Amino acid sequence: MENSPLCDLSIIIINYNTEGFLNRCLITVASQSNVNSEVIVVDNASQDNSLDIVKNNFPWVKLKANKRNLGFARANNQALKTCKGKYVYFLNPDTEVREGAFGKIVEFMDSYPDVGIAGTRIVNPDGSLQSSTEQRYPGEKYEKRGLKDLKGNIAWVLGASMVGRRDIVDRLGGFDERFYIYGEEQDLCLRVRKEGWAIGCIPDAVIVHWGGKSERDNPPIEVWKKKFEAELLFYKKHYSKKAIRAIKRANIIQAFWRIFTLKVTIPFCTDKEISLNKLDKYKLALEMFYDRGI
């Protein structure tokens, strides 16, 4: 069969201007043993030396170089079309893979056939635990009826380190490409659960994650705009109109209150820049939740 797995694990890394992190990530990926795997790097038109680093130092990597930044979801779907693994593992470039992680991932997925997608244990560079699983979706309390009877207790896992059964991900069409950079893992996990699969967590597979490196040069307001757009798309796709109206109302009330309190307290703040960024965030929330066609 054309889609029959030829290896255990396909590792997909989407890169955008993270050359130093990508180099370190691939070194730790190469150190993994006892797992039959392939590694695919999709570069989203980086302006740094990412391509040369991969070509010169990691010739075993299957490299796809895009001429423009296609976003996280679309770039992952590009790689999915060529995957040969039984499982597909989505890994951020600003990570390090701890020893034995790939083996633990494959072992877990083999042992729990009811799990469609799973996350790993993610830690910060200082070793502290990073949140990698969530038990609720954004705004879930307003849409309980539409989300009842889903399998398992985990709602979604962080896309920085997430493994799925390739046949399921393929059947669902991969990521929804309307999600440019945020929200795509929430959407995919929910679609997998709606198909009757559980979401799992692999505590023995440890990944170090720096986080946010591809967005580090963007102003905070631009990052928040992308996050709000993804959140609104998620609601429009999965929630009832009644739930969306309630979510919008709650966000508008919160935005008004936070704008008022920030304006009152900013003159007394020692770090005004942080407060001003928050003020910009809630002004943007107010604008976006008032009316976005939903």
Protein backbone atom coordinates (compact mmCIF):
# COMPACT_ATOMS: atom_id res chain seq x y z
CA MET A 1 0.00 0.00 0.00
CA GLU A 2 1.19 3.54 -0.80
CA ASN A 3 0.73 4.76 2.78
CA SER A 4 2.20 1.70 4.51
CA PRO A 5 4.76 2.80 7.14
CA LEU A 6 8.42 2.33 6.23
CA CYS A 7 9.72 3.46 9.62
CA ASP A 8 8.48 3.91 13.18
CA LEU A 9 8.68 7.67 13.50
CA SER A 10 8.63 10.64 11.14
CA ILE A 11 9.99 13.76 12.86
CA ILE A 12 8.80 17.06 11.34
CA ILE A 13 10.51 20.32 12.29
CA ILE A 14 9.23 23.65 10.96
CA ASN A 15 11.95 26.28 11.05
CA TYR A 16 11.92 30.04 10.71
CA ASN A 17 15.05 32.04 11.57
CA THR A 18 16.16 29.84 14.47
CA GLU A 19 19.54 28.67 13.16
CA GLY A 20 21.28 28.28 16.53
CA PHE A 21 18.38 26.45 18.12
CA LEU A 22 17.83 24.28 15.03
CA ASN A 23 21.48 23.18 15.04
CA ARG A 24 21.29 22.16 18.71
CA CYS A 25 17.91 20.47 18.17
CA LEU A 26 19.19 18.34 15.29
CA ILE A 27 22.28 17.32 17.25
CA THR A 28 20.03 15.91 19.98
CA VAL A 29 17.73 14.33 17.40
CA ALA A 30 20.75 12.57 15.86
CA SER A 31 21.74 11.19 19.27
CA GLN A 32 18.52 9.17 19.57
CA SER A 33 19.01 5.44 19.05
CA ASN A 34 17.01 2.23 18.66
CA VAL A 35 14.23 3.93 16.70
CA ASN A 36 13.79 3.58 12.96
CA SER A 37 13.04 7.17 12.00
CA GLU A 38 13.24 9.90 9.39
CA VAL A 39 13.68 13.62 9.92
CA ILE A 40 12.05 16.27 7.74
CA VAL A 41 12.86 19.97 8.14
CA VAL A 42 10.66 22.51 6.38
CA ASP A 43 12.24 25.95 6.30
CA ASN A 44 9.77 28.83 5.97
CA ALA A 45 12.02 31.24 4.03
CA SER A 46 14.47 31.94 6.85
CA GLN A 47 16.79 34.92 6.40
CA ASP A 48 19.55 33.46 8.58
CA ASN A 49 21.92 30.53 7.90
CA SER A 50 19.43 27.77 8.72
CA LEU A 51 19.55 26.17 5.26
CA ASP A 52 23.36 26.04 5.17
CA ILE A 53 23.48 24.55 8.66
CA VAL A 54 21.17 21.71 7.67
CA LYS A 55 22.83 21.07 4.30
CA ASN A 56 26.38 21.14 5.65
CA ASN A 57 25.97 19.44 9.02
CA PHE A 58 22.95 17.15 8.70
CA PRO A 59 22.88 15.63 5.21
CA TRP A 60 20.56 12.85 6.39
CA VAL A 61 17.76 15.37 6.97
CA LYS A 62 15.11 15.66 4.29
CA LEU A 63 15.04 19.42 3.69
CA LYS A 64 12.24 21.43 2.12
CA ALA A 65 13.02 25.12 1.54
CA ASN A 66 10.00 27.35 1.00
CA LYS A 67 10.37 30.66 -0.84
CA ARG A 68 7.98 32.37 1.58
CA ASN A 69 6.72 31.82 5.08
CA LEU A 70 3.70 29.54 4.74
CA GLY A 71 2.95 29.35 8.46
CA PHE A 72 3.12 26.42 10.85
CA ALA A 73 0.05 24.46 9.73
CA ARG A 74 0.65 24.60 5.99
CA ALA A 75 4.36 23.78 6.31
CA ASN A 76 3.58 20.74 8.45
CA ASN A 77 1.07 19.55 5.88
CA GLN A 78 3.77 19.81 3.22
CA ALA A 79 5.93 17.38 5.17
CA LEU A 80 3.00 15.09 6.01
CA LYS A 81 2.60 14.32 2.31
CA THR A 82 6.03 12.68 2.24
CA CYS A 83 6.06 10.98 5.68
CA LYS A 84 6.79 7.27 5.81
CA GLY A 85 6.47 6.69 9.56
CA LYS A 86 3.83 4.81 11.51
CA TYR A 87 3.76 7.82 13.83
CA VAL A 88 4.42 11.46 13.00
CA TYR A 89 6.15 13.63 15.57
CA PHE A 90 5.84 17.42 15.38
CA LEU A 91 8.84 19.05 17.05
CA ASN A 92 9.73 22.73 17.39
CA PRO A 93 13.27 23.78 16.44
CA ASP A 94 13.84 25.60 19.75
CA THR A 95 14.04 22.30 21.63
CA GLU A 96 16.48 19.68 22.83
CA VAL A 97 15.48 16.02 22.88
CA ARG A 98 16.59 14.23 26.01
CA GLU A 99 18.12 10.77 25.78
CA GLY A 100 15.73 7.95 24.94
CA ALA A 101 12.76 10.22 24.19
CA PHE A 102 12.01 8.81 20.73
CA GLY A 103 12.02 5.26 22.05
CA LYS A 104 9.60 6.24 24.83
CA ILE A 105 7.31 7.93 22.30
CA VAL A 106 7.07 4.87 20.06
CA GLU A 107 6.71 2.53 23.05
CA PHE A 108 3.83 4.61 24.45
CA MET A 109 1.93 4.82 21.17
CA ASP A 110 2.34 1.08 20.63
CA SER A 111 1.08 0.39 24.16
CA TYR A 112 -1.98 2.65 24.07
CA PRO A 113 -3.89 1.94 20.85
CA ASP A 114 -6.81 4.17 21.91
CA VAL A 115 -4.59 7.29 21.89
CA GLY A 116 -4.64 9.22 18.63
CA ILE A 117 -2.33 12.07 19.62
CA ALA A 118 0.00 12.49 22.59
CA GLY A 119 2.25 15.14 24.05
CA THR A 120 5.49 14.68 25.94
CA ARG A 121 6.92 16.04 29.14
CA ILE A 122 8.27 19.52 28.36
CA VAL A 123 10.67 21.36 30.63
CA ASN A 124 12.16 24.84 30.60
CA PRO A 125 15.92 25.28 30.14
CA ASP A 126 16.30 25.56 33.93
CA GLY A 127 14.63 22.16 34.34
CA SER A 128 11.31 23.44 35.67
CA LEU A 129 8.16 21.91 34.28
CA GLN A 130 6.49 23.67 31.35
CA SER A 131 2.75 23.30 30.82
CA SER A 132 2.27 20.91 27.91
CA THR A 133 -1.22 19.47 28.39
CA GLU A 134 -4.59 21.13 28.97
CA GLN A 135 -7.84 19.65 30.23
CA ARG A 136 -10.04 22.36 28.71
CA TYR A 137 -10.38 24.16 25.42
CA PRO A 138 -10.56 27.96 25.26
CA GLY A 139 -14.04 29.10 26.26
CA GLU A 140 -15.12 25.52 26.92
CA LYS A 141 -17.43 26.42 29.79
CA TYR A 142 -19.72 28.14 27.29
CA GLU A 143 -19.89 25.11 24.98
CA LYS A 144 -20.28 22.13 27.33
CA ARG A 145 -23.05 20.48 25.32
CA GLY A 146 -21.07 20.40 22.08
CA LEU A 147 -17.98 19.00 23.81
CA LYS A 148 -19.54 16.31 25.97
CA ASP A 149 -18.82 12.59 25.60
CA LEU A 150 -15.32 13.17 24.23
CA LYS A 151 -12.86 10.42 25.14
CA GLY A 152 -10.23 10.97 27.81
CA ASN A 153 -9.43 13.79 30.23
CA ILE A 154 -6.83 15.65 28.18
CA ALA A 155 -8.24 18.26 25.79
CA TRP A 156 -5.08 19.14 23.87
CA VAL A 157 -1.30 19.09 24.03
CA LEU A 158 1.32 21.66 23.12
CA GLY A 159 2.28 21.46 19.45
CA ALA A 160 5.98 22.03 20.25
CA SER A 161 6.27 18.31 21.00
CA MET A 162 3.30 16.28 19.77
CA VAL A 163 3.03 12.83 18.21
CA GLY A 164 0.12 11.39 16.26
CA ARG A 165 -0.83 8.25 14.39
CA ARG A 166 -0.08 9.07 10.80
CA ASP A 167 -3.11 7.27 9.41
CA ILE A 168 -5.44 9.33 11.63
CA VAL A 169 -3.70 12.64 10.91
CA ASP A 170 -3.75 11.85 7.17
CA ARG A 171 -7.43 10.93 7.26
CA LEU A 172 -8.26 14.24 8.93
CA GLY A 173 -6.30 16.17 6.31
CA GLY A 174 -3.55 17.23 8.70
CA PHE A 175 -3.66 20.69 10.22
CA ASP A 176 -6.31 23.21 9.26
CA GLU A 177 -4.28 25.70 7.24
CA ARG A 178 -6.52 28.59 8.23
CA PHE A 179 -4.59 28.53 11.51
CA TYR A 180 -1.41 30.35 10.57
CA ILE A 181 0.71 29.85 13.68
CA TYR A 182 -1.44 29.52 16.83
CA GLY A 183 -4.40 27.27 17.72
CA GLU A 184 -3.70 24.52 15.20
CA GLU A 185 -2.86 21.91 17.84
CA GLN A 186 -6.06 22.65 19.77
CA ASP A 187 -8.07 22.23 16.61
CA LEU A 188 -6.37 18.99 15.55
CA CYS A 189 -6.67 17.45 19.02
CA LEU A 190 -10.37 18.26 19.16
CA ARG A 191 -10.97 16.77 15.73
CA VAL A 192 -9.11 13.62 16.78
CA ARG A 193 -11.25 13.34 19.93
CA LYS A 194 -14.42 13.82 17.88
CA GLU A 195 -13.32 10.76 15.91
CA GLY A 196 -13.37 8.72 19.13
CA TRP A 197 -9.67 8.82 20.07
CA ALA A 198 -8.09 9.93 23.32
CA ILE A 199 -5.29 12.45 23.78
CA GLY A 200 -2.35 11.15 25.82
CA CYS A 201 0.75 12.32 27.66
CA ILE A 202 4.16 10.60 27.65
CA PRO A 203 5.86 11.63 30.92
CA ASP A 204 9.04 9.61 30.28
CA ALA A 205 9.81 11.39 27.00
CA VAL A 206 11.45 14.68 28.00
CA ILE A 207 11.92 17.70 25.75
CA VAL A 208 13.62 20.98 26.69
CA HIS A 209 11.76 23.92 25.13
CA TRP A 210 12.85 27.55 24.94
CA GLY A 211 9.61 28.78 23.35
CA GLY A 212 8.59 31.70 21.15
CA LYS A 213 11.88 32.02 19.29
CA SER A 214 10.37 32.35 15.82
CA GLU A 215 8.27 35.28 17.10
CA ARG A 216 10.96 36.97 19.20
CA ASP A 217 11.49 39.86 16.75
CA ASN A 218 7.79 40.68 16.35
CA PRO A 219 6.13 43.40 18.44
CA PRO A 220 3.92 41.98 21.23
CA ILE A 221 0.79 43.48 19.67
CA GLU A 222 1.37 41.52 16.45
CA VAL A 223 1.74 38.28 18.40
CA TRP A 224 -1.46 38.94 20.31
CA LYS A 225 -3.31 39.72 17.09
CA LYS A 226 -2.35 36.31 15.71
CA LYS A 227 -3.42 34.62 18.94
CA PHE A 228 -6.80 36.37 18.99
CA GLU A 229 -7.39 35.52 15.32
CA ALA A 230 -6.66 31.85 16.01
CA GLU A 231 -8.92 31.85 19.05
CA LEU A 232 -11.81 33.37 17.12
CA LEU A 233 -11.34 30.89 14.28
CA PHE A 234 -11.44 28.01 16.77
CA TYR A 235 -14.74 29.27 18.21
CA LYS A 236 -16.28 29.80 14.79
CA LYS A 237 -15.30 26.31 13.69
CA HIS A 238 -16.33 24.31 16.76
CA TYR A 239 -18.78 26.30 18.91
CA SER A 240 -22.44 27.24 18.64
CA LYS A 241 -23.48 30.83 17.96
CA LYS A 242 -24.91 31.05 21.46
CA ALA A 243 -21.58 30.03 23.00
CA ILE A 244 -19.66 32.46 20.78
CA ARG A 245 -21.91 35.35 21.83
CA ALA A 246 -21.26 34.50 25.49
CA ILE A 247 -17.50 34.26 24.92
CA LYS A 248 -17.42 37.57 23.09
CA ARG A 249 -19.43 39.25 25.83
CA ALA A 250 -17.10 37.90 28.54
CA ASN A 251 -13.99 39.07 26.68
CA ILE A 252 -15.44 42.53 26.05
CA ILE A 253 -16.32 42.98 29.72
CA GLN A 254 -12.87 41.80 30.77
CA ALA A 255 -11.20 44.12 28.24
CA PHE A 256 -13.16 47.16 29.45
CA TRP A 257 -12.30 46.40 33.07
CA ARG A 258 -8.59 45.80 32.40
CA ILE A 259 -8.30 48.96 30.28
CA PHE A 260 -9.86 50.98 33.10
CA THR A 261 -7.64 49.50 35.84
CA LEU A 262 -4.46 49.80 33.76
CA LYS A 263 -5.12 53.46 32.98
CA VAL A 264 -5.58 54.10 36.69
CA THR A 265 -2.44 52.23 37.79
CA ILE A 266 0.06 52.97 34.98
CA PRO A 267 1.17 56.33 36.47
CA PHE A 268 2.29 54.47 39.60
CA CYS A 269 4.02 51.51 37.87
CA THR A 270 7.80 51.14 38.00
CA ASP A 271 7.89 49.31 34.65
CA LYS A 272 5.46 51.23 32.49
CA GLU A 273 6.38 49.37 29.30
CA ILE A 274 4.88 46.10 30.56
CA SER A 275 1.67 47.85 31.58
CA LEU A 276 1.46 49.73 28.28
CA ASN A 277 1.85 46.45 26.37
CA LYS A 278 -1.01 45.00 28.43
CA LEU A 279 -3.10 48.06 27.70
CA ASP A 280 -2.49 47.60 23.97
CA LYS A 281 -3.43 43.92 24.30
CA TYR A 282 -6.83 44.65 25.88
CA LYS A 283 -7.56 47.47 23.45
CA LEU A 284 -6.92 44.99 20.64
CA ALA A 285 -9.12 42.36 22.35
CA LEU A 286 -11.91 44.89 22.61
CA GLU A 287 -11.63 45.68 18.91
CA MET A 288 -11.45 42.05 17.78
CA PHE A 289 -14.19 40.60 19.97
CA TYR A 290 -16.73 43.30 19.18
CA ASP A 291 -17.49 41.96 15.73
CA ARG A 292 -15.48 39.46 13.70
CA GLY A 293 -18.23 38.02 11.60
CA ILE A 294 -19.31 35.42 14.15
